Each structure stands twice: as C-alpha cells, then as structure tokens.
C-alpha cells in the first residue's frame, strides 16, 4: 500500500474550505428549497420526482461538505 500525502498551501486550503462553507450555507439550502418548491408545484409525476431529487441532492451537499469541512478542520487545526 502506498503512503501518499498531499501537500497543499495555506491559500489552497483556505479556498477549498471556503467553497465547502458556501456549499453548506448557500448552495445546499438553495437546492433543497428549489427542489421542495418544484415538487410542491409539480403538474406531472416526473416534475415531482425531479424536485424531490434536487431536494435530496441539496441535503446531501450540506451533509457531505459539512462533514468534510469539520473533518479537515479537526485534522489540521486550520479553518479558512
């Protein structure tokens, strides 16, 4: 098994963490809201399913990026 460690600069780390926070606090909630709005106003079952998929994707975005932000912050001791 290879022992590979990726070295990144503070600037690169900060950009990645900032994007994660944007995903958690802006993109994820927007996707969830839009998906629920679309699903609620759907005329066809296909539109309803598309809205539900968008809402679930928004929730997954929040969870995934929030988890990774906290994991990296605790591992490195650095935030943005």
Protein backbone atom coordinates (compact mmCIF):
# COMPACT_ATOMS: atom_id res chain seq x y z
CA UNK A 1 0.00 0.00 0.00
CA UNK A 2 1.31 3.45 -0.90
CA UNK A 3 1.79 6.13 1.76
CA UNK A 4 0.78 9.18 -0.28
CA UNK A 5 0.35 12.54 1.43
CA UNK A 6 -0.90 15.55 -0.48
CA UNK A 7 0.77 18.81 0.48
CA UNK A 8 -1.25 21.96 -0.12
CA UNK A 9 -0.53 25.58 0.62
CA UNK A 10 -2.49 27.63 3.14
CA UNK A 11 -4.06 29.57 0.28
CA UNK A 12 -5.24 26.41 -1.49
CA UNK A 13 -6.56 25.00 1.78
CA UNK A 14 -8.47 28.21 2.51
CA UNK A 15 -10.07 28.29 -0.94
CA UNK A 16 -11.23 24.69 -0.62
CA UNK A 17 -12.66 25.25 2.83
CA UNK A 18 -14.39 28.47 1.71
CA UNK A 19 -16.07 26.59 -1.13
CA UNK A 20 -17.26 23.95 1.32
CA UNK A 21 -18.82 26.63 3.51
CA UNK A 22 -20.56 28.20 0.50
CA UNK A 23 -21.93 24.76 -0.35
CA UNK A 24 -23.17 24.23 3.23
CA UNK A 25 -24.74 27.63 3.82
CA UNK A 26 -25.81 28.77 0.34
CA UNK A 27 -25.88 26.13 -2.39
CA UNK A 28 -27.27 23.22 -0.36
CA UNK A 29 -30.16 25.16 1.21
CA UNK A 30 -30.97 26.78 -2.15
CA UNK A 31 -31.07 23.38 -3.87
CA UNK A 32 -33.26 21.98 -1.10
CA UNK A 33 -35.67 24.91 -1.20
CA UNK A 34 -35.90 24.87 -5.01
CA UNK A 35 -36.44 21.12 -5.07
CA UNK A 36 -39.23 21.27 -2.50
CA UNK A 37 -40.83 24.19 -4.32
CA UNK A 38 -40.70 22.35 -7.65
CA UNK A 39 -42.05 19.14 -6.11
CA UNK A 40 -44.90 21.02 -4.43
CA UNK A 41 -45.93 22.84 -7.62
CA UNK A 42 -45.42 19.85 -9.92
CA UNK A 43 -48.06 19.06 -12.50
CA UNK A 44 -46.64 15.71 -13.56
CA UNK A 45 -45.09 12.89 -11.57
CA UNK A 46 -41.83 13.42 -13.47
CA UNK A 47 -41.64 17.04 -12.27
CA UNK A 48 -42.38 15.95 -8.72
CA UNK A 49 -39.62 13.33 -8.81
CA UNK A 50 -37.16 15.85 -10.28
CA UNK A 51 -37.95 18.27 -7.46
CA UNK A 52 -37.52 15.54 -4.87
CA UNK A 53 -34.18 14.53 -6.40
CA UNK A 54 -33.00 18.14 -6.29
CA UNK A 55 -34.04 18.46 -2.63
CA UNK A 56 -32.25 15.24 -1.69
CA UNK A 57 -29.16 16.42 -3.58
CA UNK A 58 -29.24 19.67 -1.61
CA UNK A 59 -29.41 17.80 1.69
CA UNK A 60 -26.58 15.52 0.57
CA UNK A 61 -24.50 18.57 -0.41
CA UNK A 62 -24.94 20.07 3.06
CA UNK A 63 -24.06 16.81 4.79
CA UNK A 64 -21.10 15.89 2.61
CA UNK A 65 -19.44 19.29 2.61
CA UNK A 66 -20.20 19.99 6.25
CA UNK A 67 -18.69 16.67 7.28
CA UNK A 68 -15.55 17.23 5.17
CA UNK A 69 -15.11 20.79 6.44
CA UNK A 70 -15.24 19.64 10.06
CA UNK A 71 -13.04 16.62 9.40
CA UNK A 72 -10.31 18.69 7.74
CA UNK A 73 -10.56 21.44 10.33
CA UNK A 74 -10.08 18.99 13.20
CA UNK A 75 -7.28 17.12 11.42
CA UNK A 76 -5.26 20.20 10.52
CA UNK A 77 -6.33 22.64 13.21
CA UNK A 78 -6.96 25.22 10.48
CA UNK A 79 -10.23 26.70 9.31
CA UNK A 80 -10.42 29.11 6.39
